[in-house]
Amino acid sequence: MTKQPHAPELDTILDEFAGLPNPPDAETLRAWIGKYPQFADEIIDFATDWIEMEAAPSQRPSNDEVDMVANRTISRIQTLLDAGERPEQLTDLSADIRAAGHDHETFQRAIGIDRSLLDSLVARLVRPATLPARLVQSIATALGRSLESVRQYLSLPAVLGAAHRARGRPQTNQADFAFLVTHSQLSEAEKAVWLAEPPDPELRERPNG
């Protein structure tokens, strides 16, 4: 856990905070932030480091394990601080990505796609019935959302006039996921993995937006 180079008062507060027997729960974290609002960012950073260290495996982690720890850390901090503050329904993927502690680049890495595919998901330019079940699960995990809320979002109509970066996209509202993968910036190996993934059966049974 790292301490920010601030005034001695902050060091004292963080030393006391570190003396807690366990990483903070929601009630404890809110109490500390309420008691020291001027150091809210530093307390949150310290709690994030603490939770991440608790979740980290004892041996040298693989890249997948690092991603898992990061997702668990983001999810727990999000639950502690923002539970109930996000809309119940997922209607704006970009806003939800930020609320989950990601920017677009880290979210792309978390779910294994490139920016053109993410832009397509944000604007709902992918035909829902063609979306892989693994992708839907990865989105739900990274956002801390239920599978059903993600499916409902992906089933909404496309955003009219949305910009799209995939090269050679046909002039229709939505395109098959496989087409967008083929024209993405992913490596050939990454494309092959996604193209082999089966569609989400729940989305296949739903009518398009």
N, C-alpha and C. Protein backbone atom coordinates (compact mmCIF):
# COMPACT_ATOMS: atom_id res chain seq x y z
N MET A 1 0.84 -1.20 0.00
CA MET A 1 0.00 0.00 0.00
C MET A 1 0.87 1.24 0.00
N THR A 2 0.51 2.19 -0.78
CA THR A 2 1.33 3.40 -0.92
C THR A 2 0.65 4.57 -0.23
N LYS A 3 1.44 5.43 0.33
CA LYS A 3 0.94 6.64 0.97
C LYS A 3 1.29 7.84 0.12
N GLN A 4 0.36 8.76 0.02
CA GLN A 4 0.59 9.98 -0.74
C GLN A 4 1.46 10.92 0.09
N PRO A 5 2.40 11.64 -0.55
CA PRO A 5 3.28 12.56 0.18
C PRO A 5 2.56 13.85 0.54
N HIS A 6 1.67 13.78 1.57
CA HIS A 6 0.94 14.95 2.00
C HIS A 6 1.40 15.35 3.40
N ALA A 7 0.63 16.19 4.04
CA ALA A 7 0.96 16.71 5.37
C ALA A 7 0.98 15.59 6.39
N PRO A 8 1.71 15.78 7.51
CA PRO A 8 1.77 14.75 8.56
C PRO A 8 0.40 14.29 9.02
N GLU A 9 -0.60 15.18 8.99
CA GLU A 9 -1.94 14.80 9.43
C GLU A 9 -2.47 13.64 8.59
N LEU A 10 -2.22 13.68 7.29
CA LEU A 10 -2.68 12.59 6.42
C LEU A 10 -1.96 11.29 6.77
N ASP A 11 -0.65 11.36 7.00
CA ASP A 11 0.10 10.17 7.38
C ASP A 11 -0.47 9.54 8.65
N THR A 12 -0.82 10.37 9.60
CA THR A 12 -1.39 9.87 10.86
C THR A 12 -2.72 9.19 10.61
N ILE A 13 -3.54 9.82 9.78
CA ILE A 13 -4.85 9.26 9.46
C ILE A 13 -4.71 7.92 8.76
N LEU A 14 -3.80 7.83 7.79
CA LEU A 14 -3.63 6.58 7.05
C LEU A 14 -3.02 5.49 7.92
N ASP A 15 -2.13 5.88 8.85
CA ASP A 15 -1.59 4.90 9.80
C ASP A 15 -2.71 4.31 10.66
N GLU A 16 -3.60 5.18 11.11
CA GLU A 16 -4.73 4.71 11.92
C GLU A 16 -5.66 3.84 11.07
N PHE A 17 -5.88 4.25 9.83
CA PHE A 17 -6.74 3.50 8.91
C PHE A 17 -6.16 2.11 8.67
N ALA A 18 -4.83 2.04 8.50
CA ALA A 18 -4.16 0.77 8.24
C ALA A 18 -4.21 -0.15 9.46
N GLY A 19 -4.51 0.41 10.62
CA GLY A 19 -4.60 -0.40 11.83
C GLY A 19 -5.90 -1.16 11.97
N LEU A 20 -6.84 -0.93 11.04
CA LEU A 20 -8.08 -1.70 11.07
C LEU A 20 -7.77 -3.18 10.90
N PRO A 21 -8.54 -4.06 11.53
CA PRO A 21 -8.22 -5.49 11.44
C PRO A 21 -8.43 -6.10 10.07
N ASN A 22 -9.30 -5.49 9.25
CA ASN A 22 -9.61 -6.02 7.92
C ASN A 22 -9.81 -4.86 6.96
N PRO A 23 -9.74 -5.11 5.65
CA PRO A 23 -10.07 -4.06 4.69
C PRO A 23 -11.46 -3.52 4.98
N PRO A 24 -11.69 -2.24 4.72
CA PRO A 24 -12.95 -1.61 5.14
C PRO A 24 -14.16 -2.14 4.39
N ASP A 25 -15.28 -2.24 5.12
CA ASP A 25 -16.54 -2.52 4.44
C ASP A 25 -17.19 -1.18 4.09
N ALA A 26 -18.38 -1.23 3.52
CA ALA A 26 -19.02 0.00 3.04
C ALA A 26 -19.23 1.00 4.16
N GLU A 27 -19.74 0.50 5.31
CA GLU A 27 -20.04 1.40 6.42
C GLU A 27 -18.77 2.06 6.95
N THR A 28 -17.71 1.27 7.09
CA THR A 28 -16.45 1.82 7.62
C THR A 28 -15.84 2.84 6.67
N LEU A 29 -15.82 2.51 5.36
CA LEU A 29 -15.22 3.43 4.40
C LEU A 29 -15.98 4.74 4.35
N ARG A 30 -17.31 4.67 4.33
CA ARG A 30 -18.10 5.90 4.31
C ARG A 30 -17.88 6.72 5.58
N ALA A 31 -17.72 6.04 6.72
CA ALA A 31 -17.50 6.75 7.98
C ALA A 31 -16.18 7.51 7.95
N TRP A 32 -15.14 6.87 7.42
CA TRP A 32 -13.83 7.53 7.36
C TRP A 32 -13.85 8.70 6.38
N ILE A 33 -14.51 8.53 5.26
CA ILE A 33 -14.59 9.62 4.29
C ILE A 33 -15.40 10.77 4.88
N GLY A 34 -16.46 10.44 5.61
CA GLY A 34 -17.27 11.48 6.24
C GLY A 34 -16.51 12.23 7.33
N LYS A 35 -15.60 11.50 8.01
CA LYS A 35 -14.82 12.11 9.10
C LYS A 35 -13.70 12.99 8.56
N TYR A 36 -13.12 12.55 7.42
CA TYR A 36 -12.00 13.30 6.84
C TYR A 36 -12.29 13.58 5.35
N PRO A 37 -13.30 14.38 5.05
CA PRO A 37 -13.67 14.61 3.64
C PRO A 37 -12.55 15.25 2.82
N GLN A 38 -11.66 15.99 3.49
CA GLN A 38 -10.57 16.64 2.76
C GLN A 38 -9.56 15.63 2.22
N PHE A 39 -9.58 14.41 2.78
CA PHE A 39 -8.66 13.36 2.34
C PHE A 39 -9.42 12.19 1.71
N ALA A 40 -10.61 12.46 1.18
CA ALA A 40 -11.43 11.38 0.63
C ALA A 40 -10.70 10.62 -0.47
N ASP A 41 -10.05 11.34 -1.40
CA ASP A 41 -9.37 10.67 -2.51
C ASP A 41 -8.24 9.78 -2.01
N GLU A 42 -7.47 10.27 -1.03
CA GLU A 42 -6.35 9.50 -0.52
C GLU A 42 -6.82 8.26 0.24
N ILE A 43 -7.91 8.40 0.99
CA ILE A 43 -8.45 7.24 1.73
C ILE A 43 -8.96 6.19 0.75
N ILE A 44 -9.64 6.63 -0.32
CA ILE A 44 -10.13 5.69 -1.32
C ILE A 44 -8.97 4.99 -2.02
N ASP A 45 -7.92 5.75 -2.37
CA ASP A 45 -6.74 5.15 -3.00
C ASP A 45 -6.11 4.10 -2.08
N PHE A 46 -6.01 4.45 -0.80
CA PHE A 46 -5.40 3.54 0.16
C PHE A 46 -6.23 2.27 0.30
N ALA A 47 -7.56 2.42 0.38
CA ALA A 47 -8.45 1.27 0.49
C ALA A 47 -8.37 0.40 -0.76
N THR A 48 -8.25 1.03 -1.93
CA THR A 48 -8.13 0.27 -3.18
C THR A 48 -6.86 -0.58 -3.17
N ASP A 49 -5.73 0.02 -2.77
CA ASP A 49 -4.47 -0.73 -2.67
C ASP A 49 -4.61 -1.91 -1.71
N TRP A 50 -5.27 -1.66 -0.58
CA TRP A 50 -5.42 -2.68 0.44
C TRP A 50 -6.22 -3.86 -0.11
N ILE A 51 -7.35 -3.56 -0.73
CA ILE A 51 -8.20 -4.61 -1.29
C ILE A 51 -7.47 -5.38 -2.39
N GLU A 52 -6.72 -4.65 -3.21
CA GLU A 52 -5.99 -5.30 -4.29
C GLU A 52 -4.93 -6.26 -3.73
N MET A 53 -4.24 -5.83 -2.68
CA MET A 53 -3.23 -6.69 -2.06
C MET A 53 -3.87 -7.94 -1.46
N GLU A 54 -5.05 -7.78 -0.86
CA GLU A 54 -5.74 -8.92 -0.26
C GLU A 54 -6.14 -9.94 -1.33
N ALA A 55 -6.55 -9.42 -2.51
CA ALA A 55 -7.04 -10.31 -3.57
C ALA A 55 -5.92 -10.92 -4.39
N ALA A 56 -4.72 -10.35 -4.32
CA ALA A 56 -3.62 -10.81 -5.19
C ALA A 56 -3.17 -12.22 -4.81
N PRO A 57 -2.88 -13.07 -5.81
CA PRO A 57 -2.35 -14.40 -5.52
C PRO A 57 -0.95 -14.32 -4.95
N SER A 58 -0.53 -15.35 -4.19
CA SER A 58 0.76 -15.32 -3.51
C SER A 58 1.92 -15.49 -4.48
N GLN A 59 1.75 -16.24 -5.58
CA GLN A 59 2.79 -16.42 -6.56
C GLN A 59 2.69 -15.36 -7.63
N ARG A 60 3.72 -15.30 -8.49
CA ARG A 60 3.73 -14.31 -9.58
C ARG A 60 2.50 -14.53 -10.46
N PRO A 61 1.63 -13.52 -10.59
CA PRO A 61 0.38 -13.74 -11.32
C PRO A 61 0.57 -13.70 -12.82
N SER A 62 -0.33 -14.41 -13.51
CA SER A 62 -0.38 -14.32 -14.97
C SER A 62 -1.13 -13.06 -15.35
N ASN A 63 -1.13 -12.73 -16.65
CA ASN A 63 -1.87 -11.56 -17.12
C ASN A 63 -3.36 -11.70 -16.82
N ASP A 64 -3.89 -12.92 -16.99
CA ASP A 64 -5.30 -13.14 -16.70
C ASP A 64 -5.61 -12.92 -15.23
N GLU A 65 -4.70 -13.36 -14.35
CA GLU A 65 -4.90 -13.18 -12.92
C GLU A 65 -4.82 -11.71 -12.54
N VAL A 66 -3.92 -10.97 -13.19
CA VAL A 66 -3.83 -9.53 -12.94
C VAL A 66 -5.14 -8.86 -13.32
N ASP A 67 -5.68 -9.22 -14.49
CA ASP A 67 -6.96 -8.65 -14.92
C ASP A 67 -8.07 -9.00 -13.94
N MET A 68 -8.06 -10.25 -13.45
CA MET A 68 -9.08 -10.68 -12.51
C MET A 68 -9.01 -9.88 -11.22
N VAL A 69 -7.79 -9.69 -10.70
CA VAL A 69 -7.62 -8.92 -9.47
C VAL A 69 -8.07 -7.48 -9.68
N ALA A 70 -7.68 -6.90 -10.82
CA ALA A 70 -8.08 -5.51 -11.10
C ALA A 70 -9.60 -5.39 -11.17
N ASN A 71 -10.24 -6.35 -11.85
CA ASN A 71 -11.70 -6.30 -11.96
C ASN A 71 -12.37 -6.46 -10.61
N ARG A 72 -11.82 -7.38 -9.77
CA ARG A 72 -12.39 -7.56 -8.44
C ARG A 72 -12.23 -6.30 -7.60
N THR A 73 -11.08 -5.65 -7.71
CA THR A 73 -10.82 -4.44 -6.94
C THR A 73 -11.77 -3.33 -7.36
N ILE A 74 -11.86 -3.12 -8.66
CA ILE A 74 -12.75 -2.08 -9.18
C ILE A 74 -14.18 -2.35 -8.77
N SER A 75 -14.59 -3.62 -8.87
CA SER A 75 -15.96 -3.99 -8.54
C SER A 75 -16.27 -3.73 -7.08
N ARG A 76 -15.30 -4.07 -6.19
CA ARG A 76 -15.57 -3.90 -4.76
C ARG A 76 -15.62 -2.43 -4.37
N ILE A 77 -14.68 -1.64 -4.87
CA ILE A 77 -14.70 -0.21 -4.57
C ILE A 77 -15.96 0.43 -5.12
N GLN A 78 -16.35 0.01 -6.33
CA GLN A 78 -17.57 0.55 -6.92
C GLN A 78 -18.78 0.21 -6.05
N THR A 79 -18.82 -1.02 -5.56
CA THR A 79 -19.93 -1.43 -4.71
C THR A 79 -19.96 -0.63 -3.41
N LEU A 80 -18.77 -0.39 -2.85
CA LEU A 80 -18.70 0.35 -1.59
C LEU A 80 -19.17 1.79 -1.72
N LEU A 81 -18.78 2.42 -2.82
CA LEU A 81 -18.99 3.87 -2.92
C LEU A 81 -20.16 4.27 -3.80
N ASP A 82 -20.47 3.49 -4.82
CA ASP A 82 -21.44 3.95 -5.82
C ASP A 82 -22.69 3.09 -5.89
N ALA A 83 -22.87 2.15 -4.99
CA ALA A 83 -24.06 1.32 -5.03
C ALA A 83 -25.30 2.19 -4.94
N GLY A 84 -26.20 1.97 -5.88
CA GLY A 84 -27.44 2.73 -5.90
C GLY A 84 -27.34 4.05 -6.62
N GLU A 85 -26.13 4.49 -7.01
CA GLU A 85 -25.99 5.78 -7.66
C GLU A 85 -26.11 5.68 -9.18
N ARG A 86 -25.82 4.50 -9.74
CA ARG A 86 -25.98 4.32 -11.17
C ARG A 86 -27.44 4.05 -11.49
N PRO A 87 -27.89 4.38 -12.70
CA PRO A 87 -29.26 4.04 -13.08
C PRO A 87 -29.48 2.55 -12.98
N GLU A 88 -30.69 2.16 -12.59
CA GLU A 88 -30.99 0.73 -12.47
C GLU A 88 -30.84 0.03 -13.81
N GLN A 89 -31.28 0.70 -14.88
CA GLN A 89 -31.16 0.15 -16.22
C GLN A 89 -29.91 0.69 -16.91
N LEU A 90 -29.22 -0.18 -17.62
CA LEU A 90 -28.06 0.23 -18.40
C LEU A 90 -28.54 0.85 -19.70
N THR A 91 -28.33 2.15 -19.87
CA THR A 91 -28.78 2.85 -21.07
C THR A 91 -27.65 3.60 -21.77
N ASP A 92 -26.53 3.81 -21.10
CA ASP A 92 -25.39 4.54 -21.66
C ASP A 92 -24.13 3.77 -21.32
N LEU A 93 -23.61 3.00 -22.28
CA LEU A 93 -22.46 2.14 -22.01
C LEU A 93 -21.22 2.96 -21.65
N SER A 94 -20.99 4.07 -22.33
CA SER A 94 -19.82 4.89 -22.02
C SER A 94 -19.86 5.40 -20.59
N ALA A 95 -21.02 5.86 -20.15
CA ALA A 95 -21.16 6.36 -18.78
C ALA A 95 -20.96 5.23 -17.77
N ASP A 96 -21.47 4.05 -18.09
CA ASP A 96 -21.33 2.92 -17.19
C ASP A 96 -19.88 2.45 -17.10
N ILE A 97 -19.16 2.54 -18.21
CA ILE A 97 -17.74 2.19 -18.21
C ILE A 97 -16.98 3.10 -17.24
N ARG A 98 -17.26 4.40 -17.30
CA ARG A 98 -16.60 5.35 -16.39
C ARG A 98 -17.00 5.09 -14.94
N ALA A 99 -18.29 4.80 -14.71
CA ALA A 99 -18.77 4.55 -13.35
C ALA A 99 -18.14 3.30 -12.75
N ALA A 100 -17.74 2.35 -13.62
CA ALA A 100 -17.11 1.12 -13.15
C ALA A 100 -15.61 1.29 -12.92
N GLY A 101 -15.09 2.50 -13.14
CA GLY A 101 -13.68 2.77 -12.88
C GLY A 101 -12.77 2.57 -14.06
N HIS A 102 -13.33 2.39 -15.25
CA HIS A 102 -12.54 2.19 -16.46
C HIS A 102 -12.53 3.45 -17.32
N ASP A 103 -11.56 3.53 -18.23
CA ASP A 103 -11.71 4.37 -19.41
C ASP A 103 -11.89 3.40 -20.57
N HIS A 104 -12.07 3.92 -21.78
CA HIS A 104 -12.35 3.03 -22.91
C HIS A 104 -11.21 2.05 -23.16
N GLU A 105 -9.97 2.51 -22.98
CA GLU A 105 -8.83 1.65 -23.27
C GLU A 105 -8.74 0.48 -22.29
N THR A 106 -8.91 0.74 -20.99
CA THR A 106 -8.83 -0.36 -20.04
C THR A 106 -10.02 -1.29 -20.17
N PHE A 107 -11.17 -0.76 -20.55
CA PHE A 107 -12.34 -1.61 -20.74
C PHE A 107 -12.15 -2.53 -21.95
N GLN A 108 -11.57 -1.98 -23.02
CA GLN A 108 -11.27 -2.81 -24.20
C GLN A 108 -10.40 -4.00 -23.80
N ARG A 109 -9.35 -3.72 -23.03
CA ARG A 109 -8.45 -4.79 -22.62
C ARG A 109 -9.16 -5.80 -21.73
N ALA A 110 -10.03 -5.30 -20.86
CA ALA A 110 -10.72 -6.19 -19.93
C ALA A 110 -11.61 -7.20 -20.64
N ILE A 111 -12.21 -6.79 -21.76
CA ILE A 111 -13.13 -7.71 -22.44
C ILE A 111 -12.56 -8.27 -23.73
N GLY A 112 -11.35 -7.82 -24.13
CA GLY A 112 -10.66 -8.44 -25.25
C GLY A 112 -11.10 -8.01 -26.63
N ILE A 113 -11.41 -6.72 -26.79
CA ILE A 113 -11.81 -6.22 -28.11
C ILE A 113 -11.00 -4.97 -28.45
N ASP A 114 -11.22 -4.39 -29.64
CA ASP A 114 -10.53 -3.16 -30.00
C ASP A 114 -11.52 -1.99 -29.97
N ARG A 115 -11.02 -0.79 -30.30
CA ARG A 115 -11.86 0.40 -30.17
C ARG A 115 -13.02 0.39 -31.16
N SER A 116 -12.81 -0.13 -32.36
CA SER A 116 -13.91 -0.14 -33.33
C SER A 116 -15.06 -1.00 -32.84
N LEU A 117 -14.75 -2.14 -32.22
CA LEU A 117 -15.81 -2.99 -31.68
C LEU A 117 -16.49 -2.34 -30.47
N LEU A 118 -15.69 -1.67 -29.64
CA LEU A 118 -16.29 -0.99 -28.49
C LEU A 118 -17.21 0.13 -28.95
N ASP A 119 -16.77 0.90 -29.95
CA ASP A 119 -17.64 1.96 -30.49
C ASP A 119 -18.95 1.37 -31.00
N SER A 120 -18.87 0.20 -31.62
CA SER A 120 -20.06 -0.45 -32.14
C SER A 120 -20.99 -0.87 -31.01
N LEU A 121 -20.43 -1.35 -29.90
CA LEU A 121 -21.25 -1.73 -28.76
C LEU A 121 -21.89 -0.51 -28.10
N VAL A 122 -21.11 0.57 -27.98
CA VAL A 122 -21.63 1.80 -27.37
C VAL A 122 -22.83 2.32 -28.16
N ALA A 123 -22.73 2.28 -29.48
CA ALA A 123 -23.80 2.79 -30.34
C ALA A 123 -24.81 1.72 -30.73
N ARG A 124 -24.62 0.50 -30.21
CA ARG A 124 -25.50 -0.63 -30.51
C ARG A 124 -25.61 -0.86 -32.01
N LEU A 125 -24.46 -0.90 -32.66
CA LEU A 125 -24.40 -1.13 -34.09
C LEU A 125 -24.13 -2.60 -34.43
N VAL A 126 -24.20 -3.46 -33.40
CA VAL A 126 -24.00 -4.88 -33.61
C VAL A 126 -25.35 -5.58 -33.52
N ARG A 127 -25.63 -6.47 -34.47
CA ARG A 127 -26.88 -7.22 -34.44
C ARG A 127 -26.87 -8.11 -33.20
N PRO A 128 -27.80 -7.91 -32.26
CA PRO A 128 -27.74 -8.62 -30.97
C PRO A 128 -27.64 -10.14 -31.10
N ALA A 129 -28.37 -10.71 -32.03
CA ALA A 129 -28.41 -12.17 -32.16
C ALA A 129 -27.06 -12.77 -32.53
N THR A 130 -26.11 -11.93 -32.97
CA THR A 130 -24.80 -12.44 -33.38
C THR A 130 -23.72 -12.26 -32.32
N LEU A 131 -24.08 -11.68 -31.19
CA LEU A 131 -23.08 -11.40 -30.14
C LEU A 131 -22.75 -12.67 -29.35
N PRO A 132 -21.47 -12.96 -29.14
CA PRO A 132 -21.08 -14.16 -28.39
C PRO A 132 -21.48 -14.08 -26.92
N ALA A 133 -21.84 -15.24 -26.38
CA ALA A 133 -22.20 -15.31 -24.96
C ALA A 133 -21.02 -14.89 -24.08
N ARG A 134 -19.80 -15.25 -24.49
CA ARG A 134 -18.61 -14.90 -23.68
C ARG A 134 -18.41 -13.40 -23.62
N LEU A 135 -18.70 -12.70 -24.71
CA LEU A 135 -18.55 -11.25 -24.72
C LEU A 135 -19.57 -10.61 -23.79
N VAL A 136 -20.81 -11.08 -23.84
CA VAL A 136 -21.85 -10.53 -22.97
C VAL A 136 -21.46 -10.75 -21.51
N GLN A 137 -20.95 -11.93 -21.19
CA GLN A 137 -20.52 -12.22 -19.81
C GLN A 137 -19.37 -11.32 -19.40
N SER A 138 -18.41 -11.10 -20.30
CA SER A 138 -17.26 -10.26 -19.99
C SER A 138 -17.68 -8.82 -19.73
N ILE A 139 -18.62 -8.32 -20.53
CA ILE A 139 -19.12 -6.96 -20.33
C ILE A 139 -19.79 -6.85 -18.97
N ALA A 140 -20.65 -7.81 -18.64
CA ALA A 140 -21.36 -7.79 -17.37
C ALA A 140 -20.38 -7.81 -16.20
N THR A 141 -19.36 -8.65 -16.29
CA THR A 141 -18.37 -8.76 -15.21
C THR A 141 -17.59 -7.45 -15.05
N ALA A 142 -17.13 -6.88 -16.16
CA ALA A 142 -16.34 -5.66 -16.10
C ALA A 142 -17.15 -4.47 -15.57
N LEU A 143 -18.45 -4.46 -15.84
CA LEU A 143 -19.30 -3.35 -15.39
C LEU A 143 -19.90 -3.59 -14.01
N GLY A 144 -19.86 -4.83 -13.53
CA GLY A 144 -20.55 -5.14 -12.29
C GLY A 144 -22.05 -5.12 -12.48
N ARG A 145 -22.49 -5.48 -13.67
CA ARG A 145 -23.91 -5.51 -14.01
C ARG A 145 -24.38 -6.96 -14.16
N SER A 146 -25.69 -7.17 -14.12
CA SER A 146 -26.24 -8.49 -14.37
C SER A 146 -26.21 -8.78 -15.87
N LEU A 147 -26.21 -10.06 -16.20
CA LEU A 147 -26.28 -10.45 -17.61
C LEU A 147 -27.52 -9.89 -18.27
N GLU A 148 -28.64 -9.93 -17.56
CA GLU A 148 -29.89 -9.47 -18.15
C GLU A 148 -29.86 -7.98 -18.46
N SER A 149 -29.24 -7.18 -17.59
CA SER A 149 -29.18 -5.74 -17.86
C SER A 149 -28.34 -5.45 -19.10
N VAL A 150 -27.25 -6.23 -19.28
CA VAL A 150 -26.41 -6.05 -20.47
C VAL A 150 -27.17 -6.48 -21.72
N ARG A 151 -27.88 -7.60 -21.63
CA ARG A 151 -28.67 -8.06 -22.78
C ARG A 151 -29.74 -7.05 -23.16
N GLN A 152 -30.38 -6.46 -22.16
CA GLN A 152 -31.41 -5.46 -22.45
C GLN A 152 -30.81 -4.26 -23.18
N TYR A 153 -29.62 -3.84 -22.74
CA TYR A 153 -28.96 -2.71 -23.40
C TYR A 153 -28.62 -3.06 -24.84
N LEU A 154 -28.04 -4.21 -25.07
CA LEU A 154 -27.61 -4.60 -26.41
C LEU A 154 -28.79 -4.83 -27.34
N SER A 155 -29.98 -5.04 -26.78
CA SER A 155 -31.17 -5.27 -27.59
C SER A 155 -31.89 -3.98 -27.96
N LEU A 156 -31.45 -2.85 -27.41
CA LEU A 156 -32.06 -1.57 -27.75
C LEU A 156 -31.73 -1.19 -29.20
N PRO A 157 -32.52 -0.31 -29.81
CA PRO A 157 -32.22 0.11 -31.19
C PRO A 157 -30.87 0.80 -31.29
N ALA A 158 -30.31 0.77 -32.48
CA ALA A 158 -29.03 1.44 -32.73
C ALA A 158 -29.18 2.94 -32.54
N VAL A 159 -28.08 3.58 -32.15
CA VAL A 159 -28.05 5.04 -32.02
C VAL A 159 -27.93 5.62 -33.42
N LEU A 160 -28.92 6.35 -33.84
CA LEU A 160 -28.93 6.88 -35.19
C LEU A 160 -27.81 7.90 -35.39
N GLY A 161 -27.13 7.80 -36.50
CA GLY A 161 -26.08 8.75 -36.85
C GLY A 161 -24.80 8.56 -36.05
N ALA A 162 -24.68 7.44 -35.33
CA ALA A 162 -23.48 7.24 -34.51
C ALA A 162 -22.26 7.03 -35.39
N ALA A 163 -21.14 7.62 -34.98
CA ALA A 163 -19.89 7.41 -35.71
C ALA A 163 -19.40 6.00 -35.47
N HIS A 164 -18.75 5.43 -36.46
CA HIS A 164 -18.29 4.05 -36.36
C HIS A 164 -16.95 3.92 -37.06
N ARG A 165 -16.00 3.22 -36.44
CA ARG A 165 -14.64 3.18 -36.97
C ARG A 165 -14.32 1.92 -37.76
N ALA A 166 -15.18 0.92 -37.73
CA ALA A 166 -14.86 -0.31 -38.45
C ALA A 166 -14.82 -0.03 -39.94
N ARG A 167 -13.77 -0.50 -40.58
CA ARG A 167 -13.58 -0.23 -42.00
C ARG A 167 -14.53 -1.06 -42.84
N GLY A 168 -15.10 -0.45 -43.86
CA GLY A 168 -15.93 -1.18 -44.80
C GLY A 168 -17.28 -1.59 -44.27
N ARG A 169 -17.76 -0.94 -43.23
CA ARG A 169 -19.05 -1.31 -42.66
C ARG A 169 -20.16 -1.03 -43.66
N PRO A 170 -21.10 -1.97 -43.83
CA PRO A 170 -22.20 -1.76 -44.76
C PRO A 170 -23.13 -0.65 -44.27
N GLN A 171 -23.85 -0.05 -45.15
CA GLN A 171 -24.72 1.07 -44.81
C GLN A 171 -26.06 0.57 -44.29
N THR A 172 -26.04 -0.07 -43.15
CA THR A 172 -27.24 -0.52 -42.47
C THR A 172 -27.11 -0.11 -41.01
N ASN A 173 -28.23 -0.17 -40.28
CA ASN A 173 -28.18 0.24 -38.89
C ASN A 173 -27.26 -0.64 -38.06
N GLN A 174 -27.31 -1.94 -38.32
CA GLN A 174 -26.52 -2.86 -37.53
C GLN A 174 -25.82 -3.87 -38.43
N ALA A 175 -24.71 -4.41 -37.93
CA ALA A 175 -23.94 -5.40 -38.68
C ALA A 175 -23.70 -6.61 -37.80
N ASP A 176 -23.43 -7.75 -38.42
CA ASP A 176 -23.10 -8.96 -37.67
C ASP A 176 -21.79 -8.77 -36.93
N PHE A 177 -21.71 -9.35 -35.74
CA PHE A 177 -20.48 -9.29 -34.95
C PHE A 177 -19.30 -9.85 -35.73
N ALA A 178 -19.50 -10.94 -36.46
CA ALA A 178 -18.41 -11.56 -37.21
C ALA A 178 -17.85 -10.60 -38.25
N PHE A 179 -18.72 -9.84 -38.91
CA PHE A 179 -18.26 -8.86 -39.90
C PHE A 179 -17.39 -7.80 -39.24
N LEU A 180 -17.85 -7.30 -38.10
CA LEU A 180 -17.11 -6.25 -37.41
C LEU A 180 -15.78 -6.76 -36.88
N VAL A 181 -15.74 -8.00 -36.41
CA VAL A 181 -14.48 -8.59 -35.97
C VAL A 181 -13.51 -8.69 -37.14
N THR A 182 -13.98 -9.16 -38.27
CA THR A 182 -13.14 -9.33 -39.45
C THR A 182 -12.50 -8.01 -39.87
N HIS A 183 -13.22 -6.91 -39.70
CA HIS A 183 -12.73 -5.60 -40.12
C HIS A 183 -12.16 -4.78 -38.97
N SER A 184 -11.92 -5.43 -37.85
CA SER A 184 -11.35 -4.73 -36.69
C SER A 184 -9.84 -4.71 -36.76
N GLN A 185 -9.22 -4.09 -35.74
CA GLN A 185 -7.77 -4.03 -35.64
C GLN A 185 -7.19 -5.15 -34.77
N LEU A 186 -8.00 -6.11 -34.39
CA LEU A 186 -7.51 -7.24 -33.61
C LEU A 186 -6.52 -8.06 -34.43
N SER A 187 -5.66 -8.79 -33.74
CA SER A 187 -4.74 -9.68 -34.45
C SER A 187 -5.54 -10.82 -35.09
N GLU A 188 -4.92 -11.51 -36.05
CA GLU A 188 -5.60 -12.62 -36.70
C GLU A 188 -5.95 -13.71 -35.70
N ALA A 189 -5.06 -13.94 -34.73
CA ALA A 189 -5.33 -14.95 -33.71
C ALA A 189 -6.52 -14.55 -32.85
N GLU A 190 -6.58 -13.27 -32.48
CA GLU A 190 -7.70 -12.79 -31.67
C GLU A 190 -9.01 -12.85 -32.45
N LYS A 191 -8.94 -12.51 -33.72
CA LYS A 191 -10.15 -12.61 -34.55
C LYS A 191 -10.65 -14.04 -34.61
N ALA A 192 -9.73 -14.98 -34.78
CA ALA A 192 -10.12 -16.39 -34.89
C ALA A 192 -10.83 -16.87 -33.63
N VAL A 193 -10.33 -16.42 -32.47
CA VAL A 193 -10.95 -16.82 -31.20
C VAL A 193 -12.38 -16.30 -31.12
N TRP A 194 -12.57 -15.03 -31.45
CA TRP A 194 -13.92 -14.46 -31.37
C TRP A 194 -14.86 -15.07 -32.42
N LEU A 195 -14.34 -15.34 -33.59
CA LEU A 195 -15.19 -15.91 -34.65
C LEU A 195 -15.64 -17.33 -34.32
N ALA A 196 -14.92 -17.99 -33.43
CA ALA A 196 -15.29 -19.35 -33.04
C ALA A 196 -16.27 -19.38 -31.87
N GLU A 197 -16.52 -18.23 -31.26
CA GLU A 197 -17.40 -18.18 -30.09
C GLU A 197 -18.88 -18.29 -30.50
N PRO A 198 -19.66 -19.12 -29.81
CA PRO A 198 -21.09 -19.24 -30.14
C PRO A 198 -21.88 -18.02 -29.67
N PRO A 199 -22.95 -17.68 -30.38
CA PRO A 199 -23.78 -16.54 -29.97
C PRO A 199 -24.49 -16.81 -28.65
N ASP A 200 -24.84 -15.73 -27.98
CA ASP A 200 -25.62 -15.83 -26.75
C ASP A 200 -27.03 -16.33 -27.11
N PRO A 201 -27.44 -17.49 -26.60
CA PRO A 201 -28.76 -18.02 -26.99
C PRO A 201 -29.91 -17.12 -26.55
N GLU A 202 -29.71 -16.39 -25.43
CA GLU A 202 -30.78 -15.49 -24.98
C GLU A 202 -31.00 -14.35 -25.97
N LEU A 203 -29.92 -13.82 -26.53
CA LEU A 203 -30.05 -12.73 -27.50
C LEU A 203 -30.57 -13.25 -28.85
N ARG A 204 -30.24 -14.47 -29.19
CA ARG A 204 -30.70 -15.02 -30.47
C ARG A 204 -32.23 -15.13 -30.50
N GLU A 205 -32.84 -15.30 -29.32
CA GLU A 205 -34.28 -15.49 -29.26
C GLU A 205 -35.06 -14.17 -29.18
N ARG A 206 -34.34 -13.06 -29.09
CA ARG A 206 -35.03 -11.77 -28.94
C ARG A 206 -35.13 -11.07 -30.29
N PRO A 207 -36.25 -10.38 -30.51
CA PRO A 207 -36.34 -9.58 -31.75
C PRO A 207 -35.40 -8.41 -31.70
N ASN A 208 -34.85 -8.01 -32.83
CA ASN A 208 -33.98 -6.83 -32.88
C ASN A 208 -34.75 -5.61 -32.49
N GLY A 209 -33.99 -4.68 -31.63
CA GLY A 209 -34.56 -3.43 -31.16
C GLY A 209 -35.73 -3.02 -31.89
